[in-house]
Amino acid sequence: MPDEIADLLEQKAAELQISKSQVALMALKNLLKPPDPADELSEVKQQLATLAAAMARISPDLPQRRS
């Protein structure tokens, strides 16, 4: 395995706190079956809604954004 790829695997494994083989399997899965952008967009929208709700609880006097 080229050193560059081994280094990238090592870095990502440390970042995610998983094994290098798990990182390699995730990368291979994403290569063979890329995630659907529509699914990713809906996940981001859900995360933003959750964040907005949490911020509203923390500071209820802030203006609320309606989507």
C-alpha atoms as a PDB file:
ATOM      1  CA  MET A   1       0.000   0.000   0.000  1.00  0.00           C
ATOM      2  CA  PRO A   2       1.416   3.432  -0.872  1.00  0.00           C
ATOM      3  CA  ASP A   3       2.588   5.446   2.147  1.00  0.00           C
ATOM      4  CA  GLU A   4       0.268   8.333   1.239  1.00  0.00           C
ATOM      5  CA  ILE A   5      -2.814   6.102   1.440  1.00  0.00           C
ATOM      6  CA  ALA A   6      -1.595   4.404   4.610  1.00  0.00           C
ATOM      7  CA  ASP A   7      -1.097   7.819   6.216  1.00  0.00           C
ATOM      8  CA  LEU A   8      -4.587   8.949   5.187  1.00  0.00           C
ATOM      9  CA  LEU A   9      -6.088   5.747   6.619  1.00  0.00           C
ATOM     10  CA  GLU A  10      -4.182   6.244   9.864  1.00  0.00           C
ATOM     11  CA  GLN A  11      -5.320   9.867  10.178  1.00  0.00           C
ATOM     12  CA  LYS A  12      -8.976   9.099   9.467  1.00  0.00           C
ATOM     13  CA  ALA A  13      -8.956   6.097  11.810  1.00  0.00           C
ATOM     14  CA  ALA A  14      -7.578   8.262  14.620  1.00  0.00           C
ATOM     15  CA  GLU A  15     -10.075  11.029  13.856  1.00  0.00           C
ATOM     16  CA  LEU A  16     -13.060   8.652  13.912  1.00  0.00           C
ATOM     17  CA  GLN A  17     -11.583   6.423  16.636  1.00  0.00           C
ATOM     18  CA  ILE A  18     -12.113   3.289  14.565  1.00  0.00           C
ATOM     19  CA  SER A  19      -9.748   0.774  12.968  1.00  0.00           C
ATOM     20  CA  LYS A  20      -7.994   1.369   9.656  1.00  0.00           C
ATOM     21  CA  SER A  21      -9.850  -1.602   8.169  1.00  0.00           C
ATOM     22  CA  GLN A  22     -13.190  -0.019   9.130  1.00  0.00           C
ATOM     23  CA  VAL A  23     -12.114   3.220   7.435  1.00  0.00           C
ATOM     24  CA  ALA A  24     -11.127   1.278   4.316  1.00  0.00           C
ATOM     25  CA  LEU A  25     -14.479  -0.541   4.260  1.00  0.00           C
ATOM     26  CA  MET A  26     -16.393   2.745   4.641  1.00  0.00           C
ATOM     27  CA  ALA A  27     -14.411   4.300   1.792  1.00  0.00           C
ATOM     28  CA  LEU A  28     -14.981   1.272  -0.431  1.00  0.00           C
ATOM     29  CA  LYS A  29     -18.714   1.271   0.323  1.00  0.00           C
ATOM     30  CA  ASN A  30     -18.950   4.990  -0.542  1.00  0.00           C
ATOM     31  CA  LEU A  31     -17.045   4.363  -3.768  1.00  0.00           C
ATOM     32  CA  LEU A  32     -19.209   1.428  -4.845  1.00  0.00           C
ATOM     33  CA  LYS A  33     -22.511   2.897  -3.642  1.00  0.00           C
ATOM     34  CA  PRO A  34     -22.246   6.671  -3.199  1.00  0.00           C
ATOM     35  CA  PRO A  35     -24.687   8.226  -0.739  1.00  0.00           C
ATOM     36  CA  ASP A  36     -27.806   9.783  -2.240  1.00  0.00           C
ATOM     37  CA  PRO A  37     -27.454  13.597  -2.126  1.00  0.00           C
ATOM     38  CA  ALA A  38     -31.189  13.919  -1.366  1.00  0.00           C
ATOM     39  CA  ASP A  39     -30.745  11.774   1.750  1.00  0.00           C
ATOM     40  CA  GLU A  40     -27.758  13.850   2.844  1.00  0.00           C
ATOM     41  CA  LEU A  41     -29.717  17.083   2.317  1.00  0.00           C
ATOM     42  CA  SER A  42     -32.641  15.854   4.407  1.00  0.00           C
ATOM     43  CA  GLU A  43     -30.203  14.811   7.149  1.00  0.00           C
ATOM     44  CA  VAL A  44     -28.618  18.276   7.139  1.00  0.00           C
ATOM     45  CA  LYS A  45     -32.060  19.909   7.280  1.00  0.00           C
ATOM     46  CA  GLN A  46     -32.963  17.699  10.258  1.00  0.00           C
ATOM     47  CA  GLN A  47     -29.727  18.645  12.036  1.00  0.00           C
ATOM     48  CA  LEU A  48     -30.410  22.341  11.404  1.00  0.00           C
ATOM     49  CA  ALA A  49     -33.944  22.001  12.764  1.00  0.00           C
ATOM     50  CA  THR A  50     -32.590  20.274  15.872  1.00  0.00           C
ATOM     51  CA  LEU A  51     -29.976  22.993  16.323  1.00  0.00           C
ATOM     52  CA  ALA A  52     -32.575  25.748  15.861  1.00  0.00           C
ATOM     53  CA  ALA A  53     -34.830  24.115  18.458  1.00  0.00           C
ATOM     54  CA  ALA A  54     -31.944  23.840  20.919  1.00  0.00           C
ATOM     55  CA  MET A  55     -30.992  27.480  20.350  1.00  0.00           C
ATOM     56  CA  ALA A  56     -34.624  28.536  20.870  1.00  0.00           C
ATOM     57  CA  ARG A  57     -34.640  26.757  24.225  1.00  0.00           C
ATOM     58  CA  ILE A  58     -31.392  28.458  25.236  1.00  0.00           C
ATOM     59  CA  SER A  59     -32.401  31.959  24.080  1.00  0.00           C
ATOM     60  CA  PRO A  60     -36.149  32.176  23.533  1.00  0.00           C
ATOM     61  CA  ASP A  61     -35.889  35.916  22.790  1.00  0.00           C
ATOM     62  CA  LEU A  62     -33.961  35.304  19.531  1.00  0.00           C
ATOM     63  CA  PRO A  63     -35.997  35.630  16.322  1.00  0.00           C
ATOM     64  CA  GLN A  64     -37.205  32.279  15.032  1.00  0.00           C
ATOM     65  CA  ARG A  65     -36.474  31.256  11.438  1.00  0.00           C
ATOM     66  CA  ARG A  66     -39.320  29.614   9.570  1.00  0.00           C
ATOM     67  CA  SER A  67     -38.531  27.229   6.745  1.00  0.00           C
END
